[in-house]
Amino acid sequence: MTIFRWQNCHADVATAMHGISVQSFLDDVIVPSIQVLEEKMHILSRSDEPAAAFALSDAGDVLRETKMAFGLSIQSIWERQLRGYLRGCAAALRPHEGLAAQAEKGNWRRLRELFLELRGIGLEAFPSFSELDKLHLLGNACRHGDGPSATELARHCPELWPDYLLAPANANQVTATAPPVELMDIPLDRLRLFCAAIVTFWDDAEYIYNESIERKHPSLEARLAQERTQRSWWPAAASDEVVR
């Protein structure tokens, strides 16, 4: 198999901490915050105070809104990272074509087109794309509320509406009406999956960057030789990706 390579630029180097930043946000901010709220709900659920039931309901609403806010934050971090990367690639590789400005203002579809144009491989080729595409829908739903993105998100991730989509009489019957965003309850494990997708994407991008270095140090050659035997994904040398 011919190893895929792209033209390296400084933008590749600038992404070195992207995955680490996202993982730190998950481990140091998201998880502890959710655990604090869950512990508060646990204490309230065991309380004999008359007002505890009302406080428990309010705490549940706060927890649900907090997880939605974190979902939006994760998507915003990812989008800023991707836009910055594409701006850097455009400035270095095709500086006089206005692509950097498009990277700043383009929608999700245009960003995917730009990635293919600038890197020679589509975002869709990356194993993490499916989760990143869902993350885009989640960000839109959390930011704008009910609408096309929320409807599509419900089709792909019905588990985000556990109390709405499953009819009490038949747990296998899904309601036909699109669920309201205000009832969305994002599991912590789903937030973990979104963060893992971002980390995996930047790890894969780093792998391509390392393979694309023309004069490799022997230590890098040795590391890549081992990594090739361990990786579950190798990008093809030629991409026929079609942007959806």
Protein backbone atom coordinates (compact mmCIF):
# COMPACT_ATOMS: atom_id res chain seq x y z
CA MET A 1 0.00 0.00 0.00
CA THR A 2 1.26 3.46 -0.93
CA ILE A 3 1.23 5.71 2.13
CA PHE A 4 -0.80 8.89 1.78
CA ARG A 5 1.13 12.12 2.25
CA TRP A 6 0.21 15.77 2.08
CA GLN A 7 2.25 18.96 1.91
CA ASN A 8 3.20 19.85 5.46
CA CYS A 9 3.01 23.42 6.73
CA HIS A 10 3.23 25.29 10.02
CA ALA A 11 -0.50 24.79 10.59
CA ASP A 12 0.21 21.10 11.19
CA VAL A 13 2.71 21.92 13.92
CA ALA A 14 0.26 24.35 15.53
CA THR A 15 -2.25 21.54 16.17
CA ALA A 16 0.12 19.63 18.46
CA MET A 17 -1.84 20.47 21.64
CA HIS A 18 -5.37 20.34 20.23
CA GLY A 19 -6.14 16.80 21.31
CA ILE A 20 -4.54 17.29 24.72
CA SER A 21 -6.59 20.45 25.29
CA VAL A 22 -9.86 18.69 24.52
CA GLN A 23 -8.99 15.73 26.74
CA SER A 24 -8.04 18.07 29.57
CA PHE A 25 -11.33 19.96 29.19
CA LEU A 26 -13.17 16.66 29.52
CA ASP A 27 -11.18 15.30 32.46
CA ASP A 28 -10.64 18.49 34.44
CA VAL A 29 -13.82 20.46 33.76
CA ILE A 30 -16.68 18.43 32.32
CA VAL A 31 -16.48 15.23 34.35
CA PRO A 32 -15.94 16.89 37.78
CA SER A 33 -18.73 19.41 37.17
CA ILE A 34 -21.23 16.74 36.21
CA GLN A 35 -20.20 14.55 39.13
CA VAL A 36 -20.81 17.42 41.57
CA LEU A 37 -24.33 17.93 40.23
CA GLU A 38 -25.06 14.21 40.24
CA GLU A 39 -23.91 13.95 43.85
CA LYS A 40 -26.17 16.87 44.77
CA MET A 41 -29.10 15.06 43.15
CA HIS A 42 -28.22 11.88 45.01
CA ILE A 43 -28.26 13.72 48.35
CA LEU A 44 -31.58 15.39 47.53
CA SER A 45 -33.13 12.07 46.51
CA ARG A 46 -32.38 10.71 50.00
CA SER A 47 -33.58 13.78 51.86
CA ASP A 48 -36.76 13.80 53.96
CA GLU A 49 -37.13 17.57 53.68
CA PRO A 50 -40.50 18.61 52.16
CA ALA A 51 -38.82 20.89 49.62
CA ALA A 52 -36.30 18.28 48.54
CA ALA A 53 -38.50 16.95 45.74
CA PHE A 54 -38.76 20.41 44.18
CA ALA A 55 -35.04 21.00 44.61
CA LEU A 56 -34.32 17.63 43.02
CA SER A 57 -36.40 18.53 39.97
CA ASP A 58 -34.59 21.86 39.65
CA ALA A 59 -31.21 20.15 40.02
CA GLY A 60 -32.15 17.72 37.25
CA ASP A 61 -32.94 20.64 34.96
CA VAL A 62 -29.62 22.28 35.82
CA LEU A 63 -27.75 19.05 35.12
CA ARG A 64 -29.45 18.63 31.75
CA GLU A 65 -28.71 22.23 30.76
CA THR A 66 -25.13 21.88 31.96
CA LYS A 67 -24.54 18.86 29.75
CA MET A 68 -26.03 20.71 26.79
CA ALA A 69 -23.72 23.64 27.50
CA PHE A 70 -20.75 21.29 27.59
CA GLY A 71 -21.87 19.69 24.33
CA LEU A 72 -21.94 23.12 22.71
CA SER A 73 -18.56 23.97 24.23
CA ILE A 74 -16.97 20.81 22.85
CA GLN A 75 -18.34 21.55 19.39
CA SER A 76 -17.19 25.17 19.58
CA ILE A 77 -13.66 24.15 20.56
CA TRP A 78 -13.51 21.64 17.71
CA GLU A 79 -14.84 24.14 15.17
CA ARG A 80 -12.34 26.81 16.23
CA GLN A 81 -9.52 24.28 15.99
CA LEU A 82 -10.58 23.17 12.52
CA ARG A 83 -11.12 26.69 11.20
CA GLY A 84 -7.73 27.79 12.54
CA TYR A 85 -6.06 24.80 10.94
CA LEU A 86 -7.68 25.45 7.57
CA ARG A 87 -6.80 29.15 7.72
CA GLY A 88 -3.18 28.25 8.38
CA CYS A 89 -3.11 25.72 5.55
CA ALA A 90 -4.73 28.19 3.15
CA ALA A 91 -2.31 30.98 4.08
CA ALA A 92 0.72 28.73 3.58
CA LEU A 93 -0.32 26.68 0.57
CA ARG A 94 -2.71 28.88 -1.44
CA PRO A 95 -2.29 32.39 -0.06
CA HIS A 96 -3.80 34.41 -2.92
CA GLU A 97 -7.08 32.59 -3.49
CA GLY A 98 -9.19 33.88 -0.61
CA LEU A 99 -9.48 30.46 0.98
CA ALA A 100 -8.40 31.69 4.42
CA ALA A 101 -11.42 34.00 4.52
CA GLN A 102 -13.66 31.13 3.49
CA ALA A 103 -12.25 29.06 6.34
CA GLU A 104 -13.32 31.81 8.73
CA LYS A 105 -16.88 32.17 7.45
CA GLY A 106 -17.75 28.94 5.65
CA ASN A 107 -20.41 26.57 6.91
CA TRP A 108 -19.77 22.93 7.81
CA ARG A 109 -20.15 21.78 4.22
CA ARG A 110 -17.71 24.41 2.96
CA LEU A 111 -15.19 23.53 5.67
CA ARG A 112 -15.28 19.92 4.50
CA GLU A 113 -14.77 21.04 0.91
CA LEU A 114 -11.83 23.22 1.95
CA PHE A 115 -10.22 20.37 3.84
CA LEU A 116 -10.34 18.20 0.74
CA GLU A 117 -9.02 21.03 -1.46
CA LEU A 118 -6.16 21.91 0.87
CA ARG A 119 -5.13 18.50 2.21
CA GLY A 120 -5.99 16.14 -0.64
CA ILE A 121 -8.13 13.92 1.57
CA GLY A 122 -11.70 14.37 2.75
CA LEU A 123 -12.74 14.68 6.36
CA GLU A 124 -15.13 11.85 5.56
CA ALA A 125 -12.15 9.53 5.12
CA PHE A 126 -11.21 9.86 8.79
CA PRO A 127 -12.70 7.21 11.11
CA SER A 128 -13.76 9.93 13.55
CA PHE A 129 -15.88 11.75 10.97
CA SER A 130 -19.18 10.09 11.88
CA GLU A 131 -18.96 11.35 15.46
CA LEU A 132 -17.69 14.76 14.35
CA ASP A 133 -20.62 15.09 11.97
CA LYS A 134 -23.02 14.30 14.82
CA LEU A 135 -21.15 16.79 16.99
CA HIS A 136 -21.84 19.45 14.38
CA LEU A 137 -25.56 18.65 14.57
CA LEU A 138 -25.42 18.72 18.36
CA GLY A 139 -23.77 22.12 18.35
CA ASN A 140 -26.46 23.53 16.08
CA ALA A 141 -29.22 22.01 18.18
CA CYS A 142 -27.79 23.35 21.45
CA ARG A 143 -27.14 26.76 19.92
CA HIS A 144 -30.36 27.28 17.95
CA GLY A 145 -32.89 24.90 19.49
CA ASP A 146 -35.50 23.03 17.47
CA GLY A 147 -34.92 22.84 13.74
CA PRO A 148 -33.46 20.69 10.95
CA SER A 149 -30.23 19.91 12.82
CA ALA A 150 -32.10 18.77 15.92
CA THR A 151 -34.39 16.59 13.81
CA GLU A 152 -31.45 14.96 12.04
CA LEU A 153 -29.62 14.55 15.34
CA ALA A 154 -32.62 12.69 16.77
CA ARG A 155 -32.47 10.26 13.85
CA HIS A 156 -28.79 9.55 14.41
CA CYS A 157 -28.73 9.73 18.21
CA PRO A 158 -32.16 8.82 19.63
CA GLU A 159 -30.48 7.96 22.93
CA LEU A 160 -30.19 11.69 23.62
CA TRP A 161 -33.96 11.72 24.27
CA PRO A 162 -34.40 8.62 26.47
CA ASP A 163 -37.68 9.75 28.06
CA TYR A 164 -39.24 11.07 24.87
CA LEU A 165 -38.51 8.61 22.09
CA LEU A 166 -39.40 5.44 23.95
CA ALA A 167 -43.13 5.02 24.36
CA PRO A 168 -44.05 3.56 27.79
CA ALA A 169 -46.31 0.91 26.27
CA ASN A 170 -43.76 -0.29 23.75
CA ALA A 171 -40.06 0.32 24.33
CA ASN A 172 -39.31 -0.55 20.69
CA GLN A 173 -41.66 2.01 19.20
CA VAL A 174 -40.10 5.38 18.38
CA THR A 175 -42.35 8.40 18.10
CA ALA A 176 -42.62 9.99 14.67
CA THR A 177 -42.56 13.58 15.94
CA ALA A 178 -39.16 15.23 16.27
CA PRO A 179 -38.37 15.61 19.99
CA PRO A 180 -37.89 19.11 21.42
CA VAL A 181 -34.33 20.13 22.22
CA GLU A 182 -35.35 21.24 25.70
CA LEU A 183 -35.93 17.58 26.60
CA MET A 184 -32.54 16.42 25.33
CA ASP A 185 -30.44 14.72 28.01
CA ILE A 186 -26.87 14.07 26.85
CA PRO A 187 -25.21 11.15 28.65
CA LEU A 188 -21.71 11.77 29.93
CA ASP A 189 -20.52 8.80 27.89
CA ARG A 190 -21.73 10.55 24.73
CA LEU A 191 -19.71 13.66 25.66
CA ARG A 192 -16.73 11.35 26.14
CA LEU A 193 -17.27 9.92 22.64
CA PHE A 194 -17.34 13.37 21.07
CA CYS A 195 -14.11 14.35 22.82
CA ALA A 196 -12.51 11.06 21.85
CA ALA A 197 -13.43 11.69 18.20
CA ILE A 198 -11.64 15.05 18.27
CA VAL A 199 -8.58 13.55 19.95
CA THR A 200 -8.52 10.71 17.42
CA PHE A 201 -8.84 13.10 14.49
CA TRP A 202 -5.84 15.18 15.54
CA ASP A 203 -3.88 12.02 16.29
CA ASP A 204 -4.59 10.79 12.76
CA ALA A 205 -3.65 14.18 11.32
CA GLU A 206 -0.36 14.06 13.23
CA TYR A 207 0.32 10.61 11.81
CA ILE A 208 -0.14 11.92 8.26
CA TYR A 209 2.10 14.88 9.09
CA ASN A 210 4.86 12.57 10.32
CA GLU A 211 4.55 10.35 7.25
CA SER A 212 4.78 13.47 5.08
CA ILE A 213 8.12 14.64 6.49
CA GLU A 214 10.59 14.22 3.63
CA ARG A 215 13.76 13.77 5.65
CA LYS A 216 12.89 11.74 8.70
CA HIS A 217 15.16 11.25 11.68
CA PRO A 218 15.96 7.56 12.23
CA SER A 219 14.03 7.63 15.51
CA LEU A 220 10.92 8.88 13.68
CA GLU A 221 11.36 6.22 11.00
CA ALA A 222 11.49 3.56 13.69
CA ARG A 223 8.44 4.96 15.48
CA LEU A 224 6.43 5.12 12.26
CA ALA A 225 7.40 1.57 11.33
CA GLN A 226 5.97 0.38 14.63
CA GLU A 227 2.92 2.62 14.40
CA ARG A 228 2.03 1.27 10.96
CA THR A 229 1.70 -2.20 12.44
CA GLN A 230 -0.53 -0.96 15.26
CA ARG A 231 -2.84 1.53 13.60
CA SER A 232 -6.38 0.51 12.68
CA TRP A 233 -6.57 3.10 9.88
CA TRP A 234 -4.23 4.12 7.09
CA PRO A 235 -5.34 6.81 4.64
CA ALA A 236 -5.25 5.82 1.00
CA ALA A 237 -2.65 7.44 -1.26
CA ALA A 238 -5.33 8.87 -3.54
CA SER A 239 -8.67 10.31 -2.40
CA ASP A 240 -11.88 10.26 -4.39
CA GLU A 241 -13.86 11.69 -1.51
CA VAL A 242 -17.15 13.29 -2.42
CA VAL A 243 -18.41 15.96 -0.04
CA ARG A 244 -21.99 15.40 1.04
